[in-house]
Structures are given as C-alpha cells and as structure tokens.
C-alpha cells in the first residue's frame, strides 16, 4: 500500500474576483520528492501556489496537507501548518539586511533563539555568499543571490513543503545551475519541494514527477522520465 501524499488537491477552483483562473485542478505531491508544475505564461501556475498559500480564495475543491484540511485557511495558518512559499520575483524587503530578511522567515516559530540561530547557520552553510554579505541590503544582491535569500527565508520557517515559484526567472544559466544543485541538496535533506517553472528542461531535470497546466487545467501529468519523451510535451514546451 503506497503512502498518502503530503499534499493532495482535489477539484480546485480559484481566481481573482469575477475572473476564474483554475478549473478543477487535481494534484498530489508525494513526501520527500520534488514535484514540478510547468506550463506557458498565464496558464495558472502562480495562481495555484497562491491559492494553496491562502493568498487567493478557494472557489471550490479541497486542499489537504499532512492529512488536514487547509481549504480556505489564512496565509499564517498555512505557514504554521508547514508550507513555505517562495514567491515569483523573490519579494525581498528593501532596506533590510540579508540576515533580517532570513529571520523574517522564522517569525511564527516559537523555539528558542538558539534554535533559530542554528537554522540560520545551516542556511549560511548552504549559501555561503549570504553569510559573507549578511549585513548588506538584500535587494542589492544579484538575481541569483536574491533567489538564494528567498529560498533561505522559506527554509527558516522549518517547513515540510517548500513551494518555489519560477526558480529560474530572469537568471543567467550558471545561476540556475547553482540553484538547481542547492535544491537537490535541500531535497536530499528530507524537504519536499513543489516547483513552478517555465523552463521545462530545468524542471524535468530536478523533479521526479510533473503536472502540465494549460489554461487553468491539468493537461498532462506523470513521471518526468516518461513525460520528457512525450511528443506533446517535447513539441509544445521543449522546442523539439
């Protein structure tokens, strides 16, 4: 008997006001793996993550995490339940140091200062450049370094699931490579990752399973090792 998924989404509908974006999304994220969501710009990928996070209201359907119903929960409740969201565009706080941006990720935690400092040092070990520049305004970093800081901020909440929206957006290939290596290391440590990514090649190299979203619906899904050979995926998203 297979283990239940960490995150299970059933019949999810959501949108912005009168504009419906998601139309009955079914999706499962297994614990301990990297799952990716791919699709063209405007397909509804970011809206899906924002709905899971409680930033966009649920119109219909269910969001279940660790066996608990999170449908319609507030962003604070979702974060407390163990889901951290690294948003598109990083959204670091201007005028605040790298260190303080990272510590914001731990604002709901009730552990001791020593526990939080221990996790901060773990983030610095993963991304040494952040420790070297920890007093620098986070928004003055390069794009790749800002993404490191945003991922580190997510890790500081000690999540069970890390959701990353558009890992590679606007970044040089070398920066994307370094971030991809970091995500593999984070995943090997036991953290489950849900990755939204327009670059299908990068996403499929990282993830073991994928969902292709087309105009707010799941068009194709399956193991990435099989989807990479699917002519529909190759033609539409990989230019092959």
C-alpha atoms as a PDB file:
ATOM      1  CA  UNK A   1       0.000   0.000   0.000  1.00  0.00           C
ATOM      2  CA  UNK A   2       1.508   3.334  -1.024  1.00  0.00           C
ATOM      3  CA  UNK A   3       1.929   6.187   1.445  1.00  0.00           C
ATOM      4  CA  UNK A   4      -0.647   9.002   1.307  1.00  0.00           C
ATOM      5  CA  UNK A   5       0.593  12.161  -0.454  1.00  0.00           C
ATOM      6  CA  UNK A   6       1.922  15.032   1.633  1.00  0.00           C
ATOM      7  CA  UNK A   7      -0.258  17.491  -0.332  1.00  0.00           C
ATOM      8  CA  UNK A   8      -3.484  16.484  -2.066  1.00  0.00           C
ATOM      9  CA  UNK A   9      -5.538  18.911  -4.141  1.00  0.00           C
ATOM     10  CA  UNK A  10      -8.950  17.891  -5.434  1.00  0.00           C
ATOM     11  CA  UNK A  11     -11.196  19.797  -7.840  1.00  0.00           C
ATOM     12  CA  UNK A  12      -9.583  23.121  -7.003  1.00  0.00           C
ATOM     13  CA  UNK A  13     -11.106  26.247  -8.497  1.00  0.00           C
ATOM     14  CA  UNK A  14      -9.974  29.807  -7.815  1.00  0.00           C
ATOM     15  CA  UNK A  15      -9.355  33.176  -9.390  1.00  0.00           C
ATOM     16  CA  UNK A  16      -9.459  36.917  -8.889  1.00  0.00           C
ATOM     17  CA  UNK A  17     -12.894  38.450  -8.405  1.00  0.00           C
ATOM     18  CA  UNK A  18     -15.066  37.513 -11.383  1.00  0.00           C
ATOM     19  CA  UNK A  19     -12.102  36.094 -13.314  1.00  0.00           C
ATOM     20  CA  UNK A  20     -11.763  32.343 -12.778  1.00  0.00           C
ATOM     21  CA  UNK A  21      -8.232  31.051 -13.395  1.00  0.00           C
ATOM     22  CA  UNK A  22      -8.201  27.459 -12.094  1.00  0.00           C
ATOM     23  CA  UNK A  23     -10.830  24.984 -13.277  1.00  0.00           C
ATOM     24  CA  UNK A  24     -10.846  21.789 -11.227  1.00  0.00           C
ATOM     25  CA  UNK A  25      -7.166  21.069 -10.518  1.00  0.00           C
ATOM     26  CA  UNK A  26      -6.325  17.591  -9.160  1.00  0.00           C
ATOM     27  CA  UNK A  27      -2.743  17.219  -7.945  1.00  0.00           C
ATOM     28  CA  UNK A  28      -0.717  15.140  -5.471  1.00  0.00           C
ATOM     29  CA  UNK A  29       2.738  15.857  -4.053  1.00  0.00           C
ATOM     30  CA  UNK A  30       4.472  12.788  -2.552  1.00  0.00           C
ATOM     31  CA  UNK A  31       6.547  13.311   0.580  1.00  0.00           C
ATOM     32  CA  UNK A  32      10.295  13.526   0.083  1.00  0.00           C
ATOM     33  CA  UNK A  33      10.229  14.218  -3.655  1.00  0.00           C
ATOM     34  CA  UNK A  34      10.494  17.195  -5.995  1.00  0.00           C
ATOM     35  CA  UNK A  35       7.308  17.721  -7.990  1.00  0.00           C
ATOM     36  CA  UNK A  36       7.114  20.376 -10.704  1.00  0.00           C
ATOM     37  CA  UNK A  37       4.296  22.333 -12.303  1.00  0.00           C
ATOM     38  CA  UNK A  38       5.049  23.539 -15.810  1.00  0.00           C
ATOM     39  CA  UNK A  39       3.111  25.369 -18.499  1.00  0.00           C
ATOM     40  CA  UNK A  40       3.090  28.522 -20.534  1.00  0.00           C
ATOM     41  CA  UNK A  41       2.897  32.027 -19.099  1.00  0.00           C
ATOM     42  CA  UNK A  42      -0.611  32.785 -17.836  1.00  0.00           C
ATOM     43  CA  UNK A  43      -1.640  29.122 -17.543  1.00  0.00           C
ATOM     44  CA  UNK A  44      -2.433  29.493 -13.821  1.00  0.00           C
ATOM     45  CA  UNK A  45       0.737  28.092 -12.219  1.00  0.00           C
ATOM     46  CA  UNK A  46       1.366  31.030  -9.864  1.00  0.00           C
ATOM     47  CA  UNK A  47      -2.335  31.277  -9.032  1.00  0.00           C
ATOM     48  CA  UNK A  48      -2.226  27.641  -7.939  1.00  0.00           C
ATOM     49  CA  UNK A  49       0.603  28.286  -5.472  1.00  0.00           C
ATOM     50  CA  UNK A  50      -1.075  31.475  -4.237  1.00  0.00           C
ATOM     51  CA  UNK A  51      -4.306  29.553  -3.660  1.00  0.00           C
ATOM     52  CA  UNK A  52      -2.505  26.824  -1.698  1.00  0.00           C
ATOM     53  CA  UNK A  53      -0.854  29.576   0.383  1.00  0.00           C
ATOM     54  CA  UNK A  54      -4.171  31.242   1.204  1.00  0.00           C
ATOM     55  CA  UNK A  55      -3.369  34.399  -0.769  1.00  0.00           C
ATOM     56  CA  UNK A  56      -6.114  33.708  -3.339  1.00  0.00           C
ATOM     57  CA  UNK A  57      -9.542  32.479  -2.107  1.00  0.00           C
ATOM     58  CA  UNK A  58     -10.706  28.968  -2.973  1.00  0.00           C
ATOM     59  CA  UNK A  59     -13.820  28.921  -5.131  1.00  0.00           C
ATOM     60  CA  UNK A  60     -14.385  25.158  -4.913  1.00  0.00           C
ATOM     61  CA  UNK A  61     -12.463  21.972  -4.176  1.00  0.00           C
ATOM     62  CA  UNK A  62     -10.185  20.887  -1.355  1.00  0.00           C
ATOM     63  CA  UNK A  63      -6.588  21.385  -0.203  1.00  0.00           C
ATOM     64  CA  UNK A  64      -5.357  18.646   2.137  1.00  0.00           C
ATOM     65  CA  UNK A  65      -1.910  18.740   3.744  1.00  0.00           C
ATOM     66  CA  UNK A  66      -0.467  16.122   6.112  1.00  0.00           C
ATOM     67  CA  UNK A  67      -3.988  14.696   6.319  1.00  0.00           C
ATOM     68  CA  UNK A  68      -5.503  18.027   7.459  1.00  0.00           C
ATOM     69  CA  UNK A  69      -7.989  20.132   5.508  1.00  0.00           C
ATOM     70  CA  UNK A  70      -6.400  23.531   4.761  1.00  0.00           C
ATOM     71  CA  UNK A  71      -9.095  24.718   2.328  1.00  0.00           C
ATOM     72  CA  UNK A  72      -9.757  28.424   2.836  1.00  0.00           C
ATOM     73  CA  UNK A  73      -7.057  28.816   5.529  1.00  0.00           C
ATOM     74  CA  UNK A  74      -5.252  32.117   6.093  1.00  0.00           C
ATOM     75  CA  UNK A  75      -1.620  32.524   4.955  1.00  0.00           C
ATOM     76  CA  UNK A  76      -0.427  32.408   8.596  1.00  0.00           C
ATOM     77  CA  UNK A  77      -2.312  29.148   9.180  1.00  0.00           C
ATOM     78  CA  UNK A  78      -0.844  27.617   6.016  1.00  0.00           C
ATOM     79  CA  UNK A  79       2.681  28.652   7.048  1.00  0.00           C
ATOM     80  CA  UNK A  80       2.149  27.307  10.583  1.00  0.00           C
ATOM     81  CA  UNK A  81       0.942  24.013   9.083  1.00  0.00           C
ATOM     82  CA  UNK A  82       4.319  23.643   7.361  1.00  0.00           C
ATOM     83  CA  UNK A  83       4.015  25.122   3.853  1.00  0.00           C
ATOM     84  CA  UNK A  84       6.511  27.837   2.870  1.00  0.00           C
ATOM     85  CA  UNK A  85       6.060  29.822  -0.353  1.00  0.00           C
ATOM     86  CA  UNK A  86       8.977  31.421  -2.235  1.00  0.00           C
ATOM     87  CA  UNK A  87       7.081  33.863  -4.471  1.00  0.00           C
ATOM     88  CA  UNK A  88       7.772  34.822  -8.054  1.00  0.00           C
ATOM     89  CA  UNK A  89      10.180  37.768  -8.145  1.00  0.00           C
ATOM     90  CA  UNK A  90      11.668  36.874  -4.722  1.00  0.00           C
ATOM     91  CA  UNK A  91       9.866  39.752  -2.868  1.00  0.00           C
ATOM     92  CA  UNK A  92      12.724  40.569  -0.506  1.00  0.00           C
ATOM     93  CA  UNK A  93      12.326  43.545   1.826  1.00  0.00           C
ATOM     94  CA  UNK A  94      14.165  46.627   0.590  1.00  0.00           C
ATOM     95  CA  UNK A  95      16.235  48.485   3.191  1.00  0.00           C
ATOM     96  CA  UNK A  96      16.624  45.334   5.312  1.00  0.00           C
ATOM     97  CA  UNK A  97      19.759  43.235   5.578  1.00  0.00           C
ATOM     98  CA  UNK A  98      20.107  39.709   4.254  1.00  0.00           C
ATOM     99  CA  UNK A  99      20.180  38.456   7.842  1.00  0.00           C
ATOM    100  CA  UNK A 100      16.958  40.248   8.763  1.00  0.00           C
ATOM    101  CA  UNK A 101      15.233  39.056   5.579  1.00  0.00           C
ATOM    102  CA  UNK A 102      16.156  35.488   6.522  1.00  0.00           C
ATOM    103  CA  UNK A 103      14.976  35.905  10.116  1.00  0.00           C
ATOM    104  CA  UNK A 104      11.566  37.100   8.895  1.00  0.00           C
ATOM    105  CA  UNK A 105      11.061  33.531   7.669  1.00  0.00           C
ATOM    106  CA  UNK A 106      11.104  32.385  11.312  1.00  0.00           C
ATOM    107  CA  UNK A 107       8.633  34.971  12.632  1.00  0.00           C
ATOM    108  CA  UNK A 108       5.918  32.407  13.507  1.00  0.00           C
ATOM    109  CA  UNK A 109       8.313  29.999  15.220  1.00  0.00           C
ATOM    110  CA  UNK A 110       8.189  29.672  18.986  1.00  0.00           C
ATOM    111  CA  UNK A 111      11.522  27.904  19.524  1.00  0.00           C
ATOM    112  CA  UNK A 112      14.466  29.387  21.365  1.00  0.00           C
ATOM    113  CA  UNK A 113      16.749  31.992  19.849  1.00  0.00           C
ATOM    114  CA  UNK A 114      19.483  29.328  19.795  1.00  0.00           C
ATOM    115  CA  UNK A 115      17.359  27.010  17.615  1.00  0.00           C
ATOM    116  CA  UNK A 116      16.659  29.812  15.151  1.00  0.00           C
ATOM    117  CA  UNK A 117      20.351  30.817  15.050  1.00  0.00           C
ATOM    118  CA  UNK A 118      21.240  27.163  14.402  1.00  0.00           C
ATOM    119  CA  UNK A 119      18.946  27.105  11.365  1.00  0.00           C
ATOM    120  CA  UNK A 120      20.324  30.449  10.199  1.00  0.00           C
ATOM    121  CA  UNK A 121      23.826  28.980  10.244  1.00  0.00           C
ATOM    122  CA  UNK A 122      22.533  25.984   8.250  1.00  0.00           C
ATOM    123  CA  UNK A 123      21.210  28.374   5.571  1.00  0.00           C
ATOM    124  CA  UNK A 124      24.554  30.194   5.566  1.00  0.00           C
ATOM    125  CA  UNK A 125      26.347  26.846   5.125  1.00  0.00           C
ATOM    126  CA  UNK A 126      24.173  26.144   2.090  1.00  0.00           C
ATOM    127  CA  UNK A 127      24.619  29.641   0.645  1.00  0.00           C
ATOM    128  CA  UNK A 128      27.996  30.984   1.925  1.00  0.00           C
ATOM    129  CA  UNK A 129      27.675  34.223  -0.082  1.00  0.00           C
ATOM    130  CA  UNK A 130      24.728  35.192   2.155  1.00  0.00           C
ATOM    131  CA  UNK A 131      26.874  34.912   5.285  1.00  0.00           C
ATOM    132  CA  UNK A 132      29.688  36.933   3.712  1.00  0.00           C
ATOM    133  CA  UNK A 133      27.235  39.744   2.940  1.00  0.00           C
ATOM    134  CA  UNK A 134      24.730  39.249   5.755  1.00  0.00           C
ATOM    135  CA  UNK A 135      24.557  42.968   6.662  1.00  0.00           C
ATOM    136  CA  UNK A 136      24.055  44.067   3.028  1.00  0.00           C
ATOM    137  CA  UNK A 137      20.630  45.256   1.809  1.00  0.00           C
ATOM    138  CA  UNK A 138      19.142  42.048   0.372  1.00  0.00           C
ATOM    139  CA  UNK A 139      17.676  43.836  -2.644  1.00  0.00           C
ATOM    140  CA  UNK A 140      21.167  44.908  -3.808  1.00  0.00           C
ATOM    141  CA  UNK A 141      22.200  41.286  -4.434  1.00  0.00           C
ATOM    142  CA  UNK A 142      22.329  39.793  -7.920  1.00  0.00           C
ATOM    143  CA  UNK A 143      19.221  37.972  -9.128  1.00  0.00           C
ATOM    144  CA  UNK A 144      20.633  34.539  -8.324  1.00  0.00           C
ATOM    145  CA  UNK A 145      21.759  35.635  -4.859  1.00  0.00           C
ATOM    146  CA  UNK A 146      18.330  37.166  -4.183  1.00  0.00           C
ATOM    147  CA  UNK A 147      16.763  33.819  -5.071  1.00  0.00           C
ATOM    148  CA  UNK A 148      19.135  32.120  -2.613  1.00  0.00           C
ATOM    149  CA  UNK A 149      17.978  34.568   0.067  1.00  0.00           C
ATOM    150  CA  UNK A 150      14.307  33.983  -0.763  1.00  0.00           C
ATOM    151  CA  UNK A 151      14.783  30.197  -0.601  1.00  0.00           C
ATOM    152  CA  UNK A 152      16.716  30.578   2.650  1.00  0.00           C
ATOM    153  CA  UNK A 153      13.892  32.694   4.107  1.00  0.00           C
ATOM    154  CA  UNK A 154      11.448  29.895   3.221  1.00  0.00           C
ATOM    155  CA  UNK A 155      13.656  27.272   4.882  1.00  0.00           C
ATOM    156  CA  UNK A 156      13.827  29.391   8.052  1.00  0.00           C
ATOM    157  CA  UNK A 157      10.163  28.598   8.747  1.00  0.00           C
ATOM    158  CA  UNK A 158      11.164  24.899   9.045  1.00  0.00           C
ATOM    159  CA  UNK A 159       8.548  23.770   6.513  1.00  0.00           C
ATOM    160  CA  UNK A 160       7.502  20.280   5.480  1.00  0.00           C
ATOM    161  CA  UNK A 161       6.837  21.577   1.969  1.00  0.00           C
ATOM    162  CA  UNK A 162       8.773  24.311   0.163  1.00  0.00           C
ATOM    163  CA  UNK A 163       6.925  25.828  -2.811  1.00  0.00           C
ATOM    164  CA  UNK A 164       9.078  27.822  -5.241  1.00  0.00           C
ATOM    165  CA  UNK A 165       7.503  29.982  -7.933  1.00  0.00           C
ATOM    166  CA  UNK A 166       9.673  30.451 -11.057  1.00  0.00           C
ATOM    167  CA  UNK A 167      13.113  29.452  -9.818  1.00  0.00           C
ATOM    168  CA  UNK A 168      14.960  30.496 -12.991  1.00  0.00           C
ATOM    169  CA  UNK A 169      13.035  33.636 -13.992  1.00  0.00           C
ATOM    170  CA  UNK A 170      15.435  36.312 -15.266  1.00  0.00           C
ATOM    171  CA  UNK A 171      18.559  34.436 -14.162  1.00  0.00           C
ATOM    172  CA  UNK A 172      21.708  33.522 -16.078  1.00  0.00           C
ATOM    173  CA  UNK A 173      22.154  29.797 -16.856  1.00  0.00           C
ATOM    174  CA  UNK A 174      25.087  29.479 -14.434  1.00  0.00           C
ATOM    175  CA  UNK A 175      22.991  30.918 -11.583  1.00  0.00           C
ATOM    176  CA  UNK A 176      20.165  28.498 -12.413  1.00  0.00           C
ATOM    177  CA  UNK A 177      22.627  25.580 -12.330  1.00  0.00           C
ATOM    178  CA  UNK A 178      23.862  26.571  -8.870  1.00  0.00           C
ATOM    179  CA  UNK A 179      20.312  26.965  -7.557  1.00  0.00           C
ATOM    180  CA  UNK A 180      19.311  23.602  -9.031  1.00  0.00           C
ATOM    181  CA  UNK A 181      22.231  21.945  -7.224  1.00  0.00           C
ATOM    182  CA  UNK A 182      21.120  23.632  -3.987  1.00  0.00           C
ATOM    183  CA  UNK A 183      17.548  22.365  -4.409  1.00  0.00           C
ATOM    184  CA  UNK A 184      18.809  18.811  -4.887  1.00  0.00           C
ATOM    185  CA  UNK A 185      20.788  19.150  -1.655  1.00  0.00           C
ATOM    186  CA  UNK A 186      17.770  20.609   0.189  1.00  0.00           C
ATOM    187  CA  UNK A 187      15.598  17.759  -1.074  1.00  0.00           C
ATOM    188  CA  UNK A 188      18.189  15.146  -0.067  1.00  0.00           C
ATOM    189  CA  UNK A 189      17.981  16.543   3.472  1.00  0.00           C
ATOM    190  CA  UNK A 190      14.328  15.418   3.510  1.00  0.00           C
ATOM    191  CA  UNK A 191      12.417  18.539   2.477  1.00  0.00           C
ATOM    192  CA  UNK A 192       9.633  18.052  -0.088  1.00  0.00           C
ATOM    193  CA  UNK A 193       9.622  20.648  -2.896  1.00  0.00           C
ATOM    194  CA  UNK A 194       6.862  21.833  -5.229  1.00  0.00           C
ATOM    195  CA  UNK A 195       8.444  23.806  -8.059  1.00  0.00           C
ATOM    196  CA  UNK A 196       6.691  26.054 -10.579  1.00  0.00           C
ATOM    197  CA  UNK A 197       8.930  26.584 -13.585  1.00  0.00           C
ATOM    198  CA  UNK A 198       8.537  27.848 -17.150  1.00  0.00           C
ATOM    199  CA  UNK A 199      11.843  26.253 -18.186  1.00  0.00           C
ATOM    200  CA  UNK A 200      10.645  22.688 -18.713  1.00  0.00           C
ATOM    201  CA  UNK A 201      14.150  21.263 -19.233  1.00  0.00           C
ATOM    202  CA  UNK A 202      15.341  22.594 -15.848  1.00  0.00           C
ATOM    203  CA  UNK A 203      12.136  21.463 -14.143  1.00  0.00           C
ATOM    204  CA  UNK A 204      12.317  17.926 -15.548  1.00  0.00           C
ATOM    205  CA  UNK A 205      15.986  17.584 -14.581  1.00  0.00           C
ATOM    206  CA  UNK A 206      15.064  18.399 -10.965  1.00  0.00           C
ATOM    207  CA  UNK A 207      11.693  16.760 -10.465  1.00  0.00           C
ATOM    208  CA  UNK A 208      10.583  13.135 -10.410  1.00  0.00           C
ATOM    209  CA  UNK A 209       7.013  13.953 -11.406  1.00  0.00           C
ATOM    210  CA  UNK A 210       5.312  16.802 -13.245  1.00  0.00           C
ATOM    211  CA  UNK A 211       1.964  18.396 -13.928  1.00  0.00           C
ATOM    212  CA  UNK A 212       1.488  20.381 -17.131  1.00  0.00           C
ATOM    213  CA  UNK A 213      -1.118  23.124 -16.641  1.00  0.00           C
ATOM    214  CA  UNK A 214      -2.896  24.518 -19.672  1.00  0.00           C
ATOM    215  CA  UNK A 215      -5.437  27.356 -19.253  1.00  0.00           C
ATOM    216  CA  UNK A 216      -6.154  26.518 -15.626  1.00  0.00           C
ATOM    217  CA  UNK A 217      -6.467  22.759 -16.035  1.00  0.00           C
ATOM    218  CA  UNK A 218      -4.058  19.825 -15.733  1.00  0.00           C
ATOM    219  CA  UNK A 219      -3.418  18.803 -19.332  1.00  0.00           C
ATOM    220  CA  UNK A 220      -0.795  16.087 -18.848  1.00  0.00           C
ATOM    221  CA  UNK A 221       0.826  14.595 -15.745  1.00  0.00           C
ATOM    222  CA  UNK A 222       3.184  11.786 -14.868  1.00  0.00           C
ATOM    223  CA  UNK A 223       6.784  10.853 -14.171  1.00  0.00           C
ATOM    224  CA  UNK A 224       9.230  13.291 -15.734  1.00  0.00           C
ATOM    225  CA  UNK A 225      11.346  10.450 -17.189  1.00  0.00           C
ATOM    226  CA  UNK A 226       8.295   9.479 -19.265  1.00  0.00           C
ATOM    227  CA  UNK A 227       6.969  12.967 -19.996  1.00  0.00           C
ATOM    228  CA  UNK A 228      10.328  14.029 -21.446  1.00  0.00           C
ATOM    229  CA  UNK A 229       9.657  11.551 -24.254  1.00  0.00           C
ATOM    230  CA  UNK A 230       6.021  12.626 -24.783  1.00  0.00           C
ATOM    231  CA  UNK A 231       5.765  14.282 -28.230  1.00  0.00           C
ATOM    232  CA  UNK A 232       3.111  16.730 -26.963  1.00  0.00           C
ATOM    233  CA  UNK A 233       5.454  17.997 -24.245  1.00  0.00           C
ATOM    234  CA  UNK A 234       8.519  17.996 -26.478  1.00  0.00           C
ATOM    235  CA  UNK A 235       6.821  19.988 -29.209  1.00  0.00           C
ATOM    236  CA  UNK A 236       4.907  22.479 -27.048  1.00  0.00           C
ATOM    237  CA  UNK A 237       7.421  23.140 -24.246  1.00  0.00           C
ATOM    238  CA  UNK A 238      10.876  21.893 -25.231  1.00  0.00           C
ATOM    239  CA  UNK A 239      11.128  23.066 -28.838  1.00  0.00           C
ATOM    240  CA  UNK A 240      11.944  19.557 -30.042  1.00  0.00           C
END
